[in-house]
Amino acid sequence: MPTPIGHALFGLTVHLGAAEGEAARLDRARALAVVAAALAPDVDILFQFVDGRNHHNNETHSIGAAVMVGLLALLWARARGRIDAGRFGLAIGCGWFSHVVLDYLNKDTHPPIGIMALWPFSDAHYKFPWPPLRDVWRHFSFEATVHNLITTAWEIVVLLPLLLFVAHRTLRRGH
């Protein structure tokens, strides 16, 4: 599981890549909504407090969930009278899916290994065989803190250039 910082950087990259025009690019509420969507799939961690079972990396970490969230965002935006409702819904769905992509690309050390990426079509867990991203240790110790700080730094090294590239391309295009 990547860190929230990695998910936020990738979500911001999606926001900039999906923004049509300067107004959308500078829309802080839209940017925040896409970043929130990129972070949201990890809400499944809270479900274990309800029934004691591990739900992480299951249905919320899938293309099906991303499509559903994108459609709900589109309907919400239409109901609010947003003229860019379609683009808004697509950006939110892509923000959610960015979480799925990063979790697929990270080293996973907590069973079940992988994510349920193709739900609702399959309940199998999928994992990239050569993960470029590190795992996050989910316990508290000095070693875990150091490990997680290094993991965060690595995500910044990998994802910040992508964000800067997309920002540069978006500004160059003039939209």
N, C-alpha and C. Protein backbone atom coordinates (compact mmCIF):
# COMPACT_ATOMS: atom_id res chain seq x y z
N MET A 1 0.85 -1.17 0.00
CA MET A 1 0.00 0.00 0.00
C MET A 1 0.90 1.23 0.00
N PRO A 2 0.77 2.09 -1.01
CA PRO A 2 1.52 3.35 -1.00
C PRO A 2 1.03 4.28 0.11
N THR A 3 1.80 5.32 0.35
CA THR A 3 1.46 6.28 1.40
C THR A 3 0.38 7.25 0.90
N PRO A 4 -0.30 7.93 1.81
CA PRO A 4 -1.25 8.96 1.39
C PRO A 4 -0.58 10.06 0.56
N ILE A 5 0.68 10.35 0.82
CA ILE A 5 1.38 11.36 0.03
C ILE A 5 1.52 10.90 -1.42
N GLY A 6 1.87 9.65 -1.63
CA GLY A 6 1.96 9.12 -2.98
C GLY A 6 0.62 9.16 -3.69
N HIS A 7 -0.44 8.75 -2.99
CA HIS A 7 -1.78 8.78 -3.60
C HIS A 7 -2.21 10.21 -3.91
N ALA A 8 -1.89 11.16 -3.04
CA ALA A 8 -2.26 12.56 -3.27
C ALA A 8 -1.50 13.13 -4.46
N LEU A 9 -0.21 12.84 -4.58
CA LEU A 9 0.57 13.32 -5.72
C LEU A 9 0.01 12.77 -7.03
N PHE A 10 -0.32 11.50 -7.04
CA PHE A 10 -0.86 10.90 -8.26
C PHE A 10 -2.26 11.43 -8.55
N GLY A 11 -3.06 11.65 -7.51
CA GLY A 11 -4.38 12.25 -7.70
C GLY A 11 -4.29 13.65 -8.28
N LEU A 12 -3.34 14.45 -7.80
CA LEU A 12 -3.14 15.79 -8.34
C LEU A 12 -2.68 15.72 -9.80
N THR A 13 -1.88 14.73 -10.12
CA THR A 13 -1.46 14.51 -11.51
C THR A 13 -2.67 14.22 -12.39
N VAL A 14 -3.57 13.38 -11.90
CA VAL A 14 -4.80 13.07 -12.64
C VAL A 14 -5.64 14.33 -12.82
N HIS A 15 -5.79 15.12 -11.75
CA HIS A 15 -6.56 16.37 -11.85
C HIS A 15 -6.02 17.24 -12.97
N LEU A 16 -4.71 17.47 -12.98
CA LEU A 16 -4.13 18.34 -14.00
C LEU A 16 -4.26 17.74 -15.39
N GLY A 17 -4.08 16.44 -15.50
CA GLY A 17 -4.19 15.78 -16.80
C GLY A 17 -5.60 15.79 -17.36
N ALA A 18 -6.60 15.77 -16.49
CA ALA A 18 -8.00 15.74 -16.93
C ALA A 18 -8.62 17.12 -17.04
N ALA A 19 -7.94 18.15 -16.57
CA ALA A 19 -8.51 19.50 -16.57
C ALA A 19 -8.57 20.05 -17.99
N GLU A 20 -9.72 20.55 -18.35
CA GLU A 20 -9.91 21.18 -19.66
C GLU A 20 -9.98 22.68 -19.46
N GLY A 21 -8.92 23.36 -19.77
CA GLY A 21 -8.88 24.81 -19.64
C GLY A 21 -8.31 25.27 -18.32
N GLU A 22 -7.93 26.53 -18.31
CA GLU A 22 -7.30 27.11 -17.13
C GLU A 22 -8.24 27.16 -15.94
N ALA A 23 -9.52 27.43 -16.18
CA ALA A 23 -10.47 27.52 -15.07
C ALA A 23 -10.56 26.19 -14.33
N ALA A 24 -10.64 25.10 -15.06
CA ALA A 24 -10.71 23.78 -14.42
C ALA A 24 -9.41 23.45 -13.70
N ARG A 25 -8.29 23.79 -14.33
CA ARG A 25 -6.98 23.50 -13.74
C ARG A 25 -6.81 24.24 -12.41
N LEU A 26 -7.32 25.45 -12.33
CA LEU A 26 -7.16 26.27 -11.13
C LEU A 26 -8.31 26.11 -10.14
N ASP A 27 -9.30 25.28 -10.46
CA ASP A 27 -10.45 25.05 -9.58
C ASP A 27 -9.99 24.21 -8.38
N ARG A 28 -9.80 24.89 -7.25
CA ARG A 28 -9.28 24.19 -6.05
C ARG A 28 -10.24 23.12 -5.54
N ALA A 29 -11.54 23.40 -5.61
CA ALA A 29 -12.52 22.43 -5.13
C ALA A 29 -12.46 21.15 -5.99
N ARG A 30 -12.32 21.33 -7.30
CA ARG A 30 -12.22 20.18 -8.20
C ARG A 30 -10.93 19.41 -7.91
N ALA A 31 -9.82 20.13 -7.74
CA ALA A 31 -8.54 19.47 -7.44
C ALA A 31 -8.65 18.70 -6.13
N LEU A 32 -9.24 19.31 -5.12
CA LEU A 32 -9.40 18.65 -3.83
C LEU A 32 -10.29 17.41 -3.95
N ALA A 33 -11.34 17.50 -4.76
CA ALA A 33 -12.24 16.36 -4.95
C ALA A 33 -11.52 15.19 -5.63
N VAL A 34 -10.70 15.48 -6.62
CA VAL A 34 -9.96 14.41 -7.31
C VAL A 34 -8.92 13.79 -6.38
N VAL A 35 -8.22 14.62 -5.62
CA VAL A 35 -7.24 14.09 -4.66
C VAL A 35 -7.95 13.26 -3.58
N ALA A 36 -9.10 13.74 -3.11
CA ALA A 36 -9.87 12.97 -2.12
C ALA A 36 -10.30 11.62 -2.70
N ALA A 37 -10.70 11.61 -3.97
CA ALA A 37 -11.06 10.36 -4.63
C ALA A 37 -9.85 9.43 -4.72
N ALA A 38 -8.67 10.00 -4.94
CA ALA A 38 -7.45 9.18 -5.02
C ALA A 38 -7.10 8.56 -3.66
N LEU A 39 -7.50 9.19 -2.58
CA LEU A 39 -7.23 8.69 -1.23
C LEU A 39 -8.34 7.76 -0.72
N ALA A 40 -9.55 7.93 -1.21
CA ALA A 40 -10.74 7.31 -0.64
C ALA A 40 -10.79 5.78 -0.62
N PRO A 41 -10.24 5.06 -1.60
CA PRO A 41 -10.37 3.60 -1.54
C PRO A 41 -9.87 2.97 -0.25
N ASP A 42 -8.96 3.63 0.46
CA ASP A 42 -8.46 3.06 1.71
C ASP A 42 -9.47 3.16 2.85
N VAL A 43 -10.65 3.70 2.58
CA VAL A 43 -11.70 3.72 3.61
C VAL A 43 -12.06 2.29 4.02
N ASP A 44 -11.75 1.33 3.16
CA ASP A 44 -12.06 -0.06 3.49
C ASP A 44 -11.32 -0.57 4.71
N ILE A 45 -10.25 0.10 5.10
CA ILE A 45 -9.52 -0.28 6.32
C ILE A 45 -10.44 -0.15 7.53
N LEU A 46 -11.34 0.84 7.50
CA LEU A 46 -12.25 1.07 8.63
C LEU A 46 -13.28 -0.04 8.78
N PHE A 47 -13.59 -0.77 7.69
CA PHE A 47 -14.60 -1.82 7.75
C PHE A 47 -14.23 -2.94 8.71
N GLN A 48 -12.93 -3.14 8.94
CA GLN A 48 -12.53 -4.21 9.85
C GLN A 48 -12.98 -3.93 11.28
N PHE A 49 -13.22 -2.66 11.60
CA PHE A 49 -13.70 -2.32 12.94
C PHE A 49 -15.16 -2.70 13.11
N VAL A 50 -15.86 -2.91 12.00
CA VAL A 50 -17.27 -3.29 12.05
C VAL A 50 -17.41 -4.79 12.31
N ASP A 51 -16.67 -5.60 11.54
CA ASP A 51 -16.85 -7.05 11.67
C ASP A 51 -15.57 -7.82 11.99
N GLY A 52 -14.45 -7.12 12.16
CA GLY A 52 -13.20 -7.77 12.55
C GLY A 52 -12.45 -8.44 11.41
N ARG A 53 -13.00 -8.43 10.19
CA ARG A 53 -12.34 -9.07 9.04
C ARG A 53 -11.52 -8.04 8.27
N ASN A 54 -10.50 -8.50 7.57
CA ASN A 54 -9.67 -7.63 6.74
C ASN A 54 -10.36 -7.42 5.39
N HIS A 55 -10.79 -6.20 5.12
CA HIS A 55 -11.45 -5.87 3.85
C HIS A 55 -10.52 -5.10 2.92
N HIS A 56 -9.30 -4.79 3.37
CA HIS A 56 -8.41 -3.93 2.59
C HIS A 56 -8.02 -4.59 1.28
N ASN A 57 -7.96 -3.78 0.23
CA ASN A 57 -7.59 -4.18 -1.12
C ASN A 57 -8.64 -5.03 -1.81
N ASN A 58 -9.86 -4.93 -1.37
CA ASN A 58 -10.93 -5.70 -2.00
C ASN A 58 -11.74 -4.82 -2.95
N GLU A 59 -13.05 -4.76 -2.78
CA GLU A 59 -13.92 -4.11 -3.75
C GLU A 59 -13.61 -2.63 -3.99
N THR A 60 -13.22 -1.90 -2.97
CA THR A 60 -12.95 -0.47 -3.17
C THR A 60 -11.70 -0.24 -4.02
N HIS A 61 -10.88 -1.25 -4.16
CA HIS A 61 -9.63 -1.16 -4.94
C HIS A 61 -9.84 -1.81 -6.31
N SER A 62 -10.84 -1.32 -7.07
CA SER A 62 -11.20 -1.97 -8.32
C SER A 62 -11.68 -0.97 -9.36
N ILE A 63 -11.69 -1.45 -10.59
CA ILE A 63 -12.21 -0.64 -11.69
C ILE A 63 -13.72 -0.45 -11.52
N GLY A 64 -14.39 -1.46 -10.97
CA GLY A 64 -15.84 -1.34 -10.74
C GLY A 64 -16.18 -0.22 -9.78
N ALA A 65 -15.43 -0.12 -8.70
CA ALA A 65 -15.66 0.96 -7.74
C ALA A 65 -15.35 2.31 -8.37
N ALA A 66 -14.28 2.40 -9.17
CA ALA A 66 -13.92 3.66 -9.83
C ALA A 66 -15.03 4.11 -10.78
N VAL A 67 -15.59 3.17 -11.53
CA VAL A 67 -16.69 3.51 -12.45
C VAL A 67 -17.92 3.98 -11.67
N MET A 68 -18.26 3.26 -10.61
CA MET A 68 -19.43 3.65 -9.81
C MET A 68 -19.25 5.04 -9.19
N VAL A 69 -18.09 5.31 -8.64
CA VAL A 69 -17.83 6.61 -8.02
C VAL A 69 -17.85 7.71 -9.08
N GLY A 70 -17.27 7.44 -10.24
CA GLY A 70 -17.29 8.41 -11.33
C GLY A 70 -18.71 8.73 -11.77
N LEU A 71 -19.55 7.71 -11.89
CA LEU A 71 -20.95 7.92 -12.27
C LEU A 71 -21.71 8.70 -11.20
N LEU A 72 -21.46 8.37 -9.93
CA LEU A 72 -22.11 9.13 -8.85
C LEU A 72 -21.67 10.59 -8.87
N ALA A 73 -20.39 10.84 -9.14
CA ALA A 73 -19.89 12.21 -9.21
C ALA A 73 -20.53 12.95 -10.39
N LEU A 74 -20.69 12.27 -11.51
CA LEU A 74 -21.34 12.87 -12.67
C LEU A 74 -22.78 13.26 -12.33
N LEU A 75 -23.52 12.34 -11.71
CA LEU A 75 -24.91 12.63 -11.34
C LEU A 75 -25.00 13.77 -10.34
N TRP A 76 -24.09 13.79 -9.37
CA TRP A 76 -24.06 14.86 -8.39
C TRP A 76 -23.78 16.19 -9.07
N ALA A 77 -22.80 16.20 -9.98
CA ALA A 77 -22.43 17.43 -10.67
C ALA A 77 -23.57 17.94 -11.55
N ARG A 78 -24.28 17.02 -12.21
CA ARG A 78 -25.45 17.43 -13.02
C ARG A 78 -26.54 18.02 -12.14
N ALA A 79 -26.79 17.38 -11.00
CA ALA A 79 -27.82 17.88 -10.08
C ALA A 79 -27.45 19.26 -9.55
N ARG A 80 -26.17 19.54 -9.43
CA ARG A 80 -25.70 20.85 -8.95
C ARG A 80 -25.60 21.88 -10.08
N GLY A 81 -25.89 21.45 -11.32
CA GLY A 81 -25.87 22.36 -12.45
C GLY A 81 -24.50 22.66 -13.02
N ARG A 82 -23.52 21.81 -12.74
CA ARG A 82 -22.17 22.02 -13.30
C ARG A 82 -22.21 21.78 -14.79
N ILE A 83 -21.68 22.71 -15.56
CA ILE A 83 -21.67 22.54 -17.01
C ILE A 83 -20.62 21.51 -17.44
N ASP A 84 -19.66 21.23 -16.59
CA ASP A 84 -18.62 20.24 -16.89
C ASP A 84 -18.87 18.92 -16.16
N ALA A 85 -20.13 18.56 -15.97
CA ALA A 85 -20.48 17.38 -15.17
C ALA A 85 -19.80 16.11 -15.69
N GLY A 86 -19.77 15.93 -17.01
CA GLY A 86 -19.14 14.74 -17.58
C GLY A 86 -17.66 14.67 -17.28
N ARG A 87 -16.97 15.78 -17.50
CA ARG A 87 -15.53 15.84 -17.22
C ARG A 87 -15.26 15.70 -15.72
N PHE A 88 -16.11 16.29 -14.91
CA PHE A 88 -15.95 16.19 -13.46
C PHE A 88 -16.09 14.73 -13.02
N GLY A 89 -17.12 14.05 -13.49
CA GLY A 89 -17.31 12.64 -13.14
C GLY A 89 -16.16 11.78 -13.61
N LEU A 90 -15.66 12.06 -14.82
CA LEU A 90 -14.53 11.31 -15.35
C LEU A 90 -13.28 11.56 -14.51
N ALA A 91 -13.05 12.81 -14.12
CA ALA A 91 -11.88 13.14 -13.30
C ALA A 91 -11.94 12.44 -11.94
N ILE A 92 -13.12 12.42 -11.33
CA ILE A 92 -13.28 11.75 -10.03
C ILE A 92 -13.06 10.24 -10.19
N GLY A 93 -13.65 9.64 -11.21
CA GLY A 93 -13.45 8.21 -11.46
C GLY A 93 -11.99 7.87 -11.72
N CYS A 94 -11.31 8.72 -12.49
CA CYS A 94 -9.88 8.50 -12.76
C CYS A 94 -9.04 8.72 -11.51
N GLY A 95 -9.44 9.69 -10.68
CA GLY A 95 -8.75 9.90 -9.41
C GLY A 95 -8.84 8.65 -8.55
N TRP A 96 -10.04 8.07 -8.46
CA TRP A 96 -10.23 6.83 -7.70
C TRP A 96 -9.38 5.71 -8.29
N PHE A 97 -9.41 5.60 -9.63
CA PHE A 97 -8.66 4.53 -10.29
C PHE A 97 -7.15 4.71 -10.13
N SER A 98 -6.68 5.96 -9.95
CA SER A 98 -5.25 6.17 -9.74
C SER A 98 -4.78 5.45 -8.48
N HIS A 99 -5.65 5.35 -7.48
CA HIS A 99 -5.32 4.61 -6.26
C HIS A 99 -5.12 3.13 -6.59
N VAL A 100 -6.01 2.60 -7.41
CA VAL A 100 -5.93 1.19 -7.82
C VAL A 100 -4.60 0.94 -8.53
N VAL A 101 -4.23 1.84 -9.43
CA VAL A 101 -2.97 1.68 -10.18
C VAL A 101 -1.77 1.67 -9.24
N LEU A 102 -1.70 2.64 -8.33
CA LEU A 102 -0.55 2.68 -7.41
C LEU A 102 -0.50 1.45 -6.51
N ASP A 103 -1.66 1.01 -6.01
CA ASP A 103 -1.65 -0.18 -5.16
C ASP A 103 -1.24 -1.43 -5.94
N TYR A 104 -1.58 -1.47 -7.22
CA TYR A 104 -1.16 -2.59 -8.06
C TYR A 104 0.37 -2.59 -8.24
N LEU A 105 0.96 -1.39 -8.30
CA LEU A 105 2.39 -1.26 -8.57
C LEU A 105 3.28 -1.29 -7.32
N ASN A 106 2.68 -1.42 -6.14
CA ASN A 106 3.53 -1.41 -4.95
C ASN A 106 3.82 -2.82 -4.47
N LYS A 107 4.85 -2.91 -3.64
CA LYS A 107 5.18 -4.19 -3.01
C LYS A 107 4.17 -4.41 -1.89
N ASP A 108 3.51 -5.54 -1.92
CA ASP A 108 2.47 -5.83 -0.94
C ASP A 108 2.96 -6.94 -0.01
N THR A 109 2.95 -6.68 1.27
CA THR A 109 3.43 -7.67 2.24
C THR A 109 2.34 -8.09 3.23
N HIS A 110 1.09 -7.65 2.98
CA HIS A 110 -0.01 -7.97 3.89
C HIS A 110 -1.08 -8.75 3.15
N PRO A 111 -1.32 -10.00 3.54
CA PRO A 111 -2.35 -10.80 2.88
C PRO A 111 -3.73 -10.16 3.02
N PRO A 112 -4.60 -10.27 2.04
CA PRO A 112 -4.34 -10.95 0.78
C PRO A 112 -3.41 -10.11 -0.09
N ILE A 113 -2.47 -10.78 -0.74
CA ILE A 113 -1.51 -10.08 -1.60
C ILE A 113 -2.21 -9.67 -2.89
N GLY A 114 -2.08 -8.39 -3.23
CA GLY A 114 -2.70 -7.88 -4.44
C GLY A 114 -4.00 -7.16 -4.17
N ILE A 115 -4.61 -6.72 -5.25
CA ILE A 115 -5.87 -5.99 -5.16
C ILE A 115 -6.92 -6.67 -6.03
N MET A 116 -8.17 -6.47 -5.70
CA MET A 116 -9.29 -7.03 -6.44
C MET A 116 -9.62 -6.09 -7.62
N ALA A 117 -8.64 -5.87 -8.49
CA ALA A 117 -8.70 -4.84 -9.52
C ALA A 117 -9.86 -4.99 -10.50
N LEU A 118 -10.28 -6.20 -10.79
CA LEU A 118 -11.31 -6.42 -11.81
C LEU A 118 -12.70 -6.65 -11.24
N TRP A 119 -12.89 -6.38 -9.93
CA TRP A 119 -14.22 -6.51 -9.36
C TRP A 119 -15.15 -5.53 -10.07
N PRO A 120 -16.35 -5.85 -10.42
CA PRO A 120 -17.18 -7.00 -10.05
C PRO A 120 -17.07 -8.19 -11.00
N PHE A 121 -16.16 -8.13 -11.96
CA PHE A 121 -16.03 -9.21 -12.93
C PHE A 121 -15.24 -10.39 -12.39
N SER A 122 -14.40 -10.14 -11.39
CA SER A 122 -13.58 -11.18 -10.79
C SER A 122 -13.27 -10.80 -9.35
N ASP A 123 -13.22 -11.79 -8.47
CA ASP A 123 -12.83 -11.52 -7.08
C ASP A 123 -11.39 -11.97 -6.82
N ALA A 124 -10.64 -12.22 -7.90
CA ALA A 124 -9.22 -12.57 -7.77
C ALA A 124 -8.41 -11.33 -7.41
N HIS A 125 -7.29 -11.56 -6.75
CA HIS A 125 -6.38 -10.47 -6.38
C HIS A 125 -5.21 -10.45 -7.38
N TYR A 126 -4.88 -9.25 -7.84
CA TYR A 126 -3.83 -9.07 -8.85
C TYR A 126 -2.70 -8.22 -8.29
N LYS A 127 -1.47 -8.55 -8.67
CA LYS A 127 -0.30 -7.84 -8.18
C LYS A 127 0.73 -7.78 -9.30
N PHE A 128 1.34 -6.60 -9.50
CA PHE A 128 2.39 -6.44 -10.49
C PHE A 128 3.60 -7.26 -10.05
N PRO A 129 4.19 -8.06 -10.94
CA PRO A 129 5.27 -8.97 -10.52
C PRO A 129 6.58 -8.28 -10.14
N TRP A 130 6.84 -7.07 -10.65
CA TRP A 130 8.08 -6.35 -10.35
C TRP A 130 7.73 -4.96 -9.82
N PRO A 131 7.29 -4.88 -8.58
CA PRO A 131 6.77 -3.60 -8.06
C PRO A 131 7.84 -2.51 -7.96
N PRO A 132 7.59 -1.36 -8.58
CA PRO A 132 8.53 -0.25 -8.48
C PRO A 132 8.36 0.57 -7.20
N LEU A 133 7.25 0.37 -6.49
CA LEU A 133 6.99 1.11 -5.25
C LEU A 133 7.16 0.20 -4.05
N ARG A 134 7.57 0.79 -2.94
CA ARG A 134 7.84 0.05 -1.70
C ARG A 134 6.55 -0.15 -0.90
N ASP A 135 6.62 -1.05 0.06
CA ASP A 135 5.49 -1.28 0.96
C ASP A 135 5.53 -0.32 2.14
N VAL A 136 4.39 -0.18 2.78
CA VAL A 136 4.28 0.60 4.02
C VAL A 136 4.14 -0.39 5.17
N TRP A 137 4.95 -0.22 6.18
CA TRP A 137 4.84 -1.08 7.35
C TRP A 137 3.72 -0.53 8.23
N ARG A 138 2.87 -1.41 8.69
CA ARG A 138 1.67 -1.01 9.44
C ARG A 138 1.79 -1.27 10.93
N HIS A 139 2.94 -1.00 11.47
CA HIS A 139 3.10 -1.07 12.92
C HIS A 139 3.98 0.10 13.34
N PHE A 140 4.00 0.35 14.64
CA PHE A 140 4.74 1.49 15.15
C PHE A 140 6.02 1.02 15.83
N SER A 141 7.14 1.46 15.28
CA SER A 141 8.45 1.22 15.86
C SER A 141 9.41 2.20 15.18
N PHE A 142 10.57 2.33 15.73
CA PHE A 142 11.56 3.21 15.11
C PHE A 142 11.89 2.71 13.71
N GLU A 143 12.09 1.40 13.56
CA GLU A 143 12.43 0.83 12.26
C GLU A 143 11.31 1.06 11.25
N ALA A 144 10.07 0.89 11.68
CA ALA A 144 8.93 1.11 10.78
C ALA A 144 8.85 2.57 10.37
N THR A 145 9.10 3.47 11.29
CA THR A 145 9.07 4.90 10.97
C THR A 145 10.13 5.25 9.93
N VAL A 146 11.34 4.74 10.12
CA VAL A 146 12.41 4.98 9.16
C VAL A 146 12.04 4.38 7.80
N HIS A 147 11.57 3.14 7.82
CA HIS A 147 11.17 2.47 6.58
C HIS A 147 10.10 3.29 5.85
N ASN A 148 9.09 3.74 6.57
CA ASN A 148 7.99 4.48 5.95
C ASN A 148 8.43 5.86 5.45
N LEU A 149 9.37 6.48 6.14
CA LEU A 149 9.91 7.76 5.65
C LEU A 149 10.68 7.55 4.34
N ILE A 150 11.43 6.47 4.26
CA ILE A 150 12.15 6.15 3.02
C ILE A 150 11.16 5.83 1.91
N THR A 151 10.11 5.09 2.25
CA THR A 151 9.06 4.78 1.28
C THR A 151 8.42 6.06 0.74
N THR A 152 8.12 6.99 1.64
CA THR A 152 7.52 8.27 1.24
C THR A 152 8.47 9.04 0.33
N ALA A 153 9.73 9.09 0.69
CA ALA A 153 10.72 9.79 -0.13
C ALA A 153 10.82 9.15 -1.52
N TRP A 154 10.79 7.82 -1.57
CA TRP A 154 10.85 7.14 -2.86
C TRP A 154 9.63 7.47 -3.72
N GLU A 155 8.45 7.51 -3.12
CA GLU A 155 7.25 7.86 -3.87
C GLU A 155 7.35 9.28 -4.43
N ILE A 156 7.91 10.19 -3.66
CA ILE A 156 8.09 11.56 -4.13
C ILE A 156 9.07 11.59 -5.30
N VAL A 157 10.16 10.82 -5.19
CA VAL A 157 11.15 10.75 -6.28
C VAL A 157 10.51 10.19 -7.55
N VAL A 158 9.64 9.22 -7.42
CA VAL A 158 9.03 8.59 -8.59
C VAL A 158 7.86 9.42 -9.14
N LEU A 159 7.01 9.94 -8.25
CA LEU A 159 5.76 10.56 -8.70
C LEU A 159 5.84 12.07 -8.95
N LEU A 160 6.70 12.78 -8.26
CA LEU A 160 6.80 14.22 -8.47
C LEU A 160 7.23 14.58 -9.90
N PRO A 161 8.21 13.89 -10.48
CA PRO A 161 8.54 14.20 -11.88
C PRO A 161 7.36 13.99 -12.83
N LEU A 162 6.55 12.97 -12.57
CA LEU A 162 5.37 12.74 -13.39
C LEU A 162 4.39 13.91 -13.25
N LEU A 163 4.16 14.35 -12.02
CA LEU A 163 3.29 15.50 -11.78
C LEU A 163 3.82 16.74 -12.50
N LEU A 164 5.11 16.99 -12.38
CA LEU A 164 5.71 18.17 -13.03
C LEU A 164 5.63 18.07 -14.55
N PHE A 165 5.82 16.88 -15.09
CA PHE A 165 5.71 16.68 -16.54
C PHE A 165 4.29 16.99 -17.01
N VAL A 166 3.29 16.43 -16.32
CA VAL A 166 1.89 16.66 -16.70
C VAL A 166 1.53 18.13 -16.54
N ALA A 167 1.98 18.76 -15.47
CA ALA A 167 1.72 20.19 -15.27
C ALA A 167 2.34 21.00 -16.40
N HIS A 168 3.57 20.68 -16.76
CA HIS A 168 4.26 21.40 -17.85
C HIS A 168 3.52 21.22 -19.17
N ARG A 169 3.14 19.99 -19.49
CA ARG A 169 2.42 19.71 -20.74
C ARG A 169 1.08 20.41 -20.76
N THR A 170 0.39 20.43 -19.64
CA THR A 170 -0.92 21.06 -19.57
C THR A 170 -0.79 22.57 -19.76
N LEU A 171 0.20 23.18 -19.13
CA LEU A 171 0.40 24.63 -19.27
C LEU A 171 0.86 24.98 -20.70
N ARG A 172 1.69 24.13 -21.30
CA ARG A 172 2.16 24.37 -22.67
C ARG A 172 1.04 24.30 -23.69
N ARG A 173 0.12 23.36 -23.46
CA ARG A 173 -1.01 23.22 -24.37
C ARG A 173 -1.93 24.42 -24.28
N GLY A 174 -1.91 25.08 -23.12
CA GLY A 174 -2.76 26.24 -22.93
C GLY A 174 -4.18 25.89 -22.56
N HIS A 175 -4.40 24.63 -22.16
CA HIS A 175 -5.72 24.32 -21.62
C HIS A 175 -5.62 23.61 -20.35
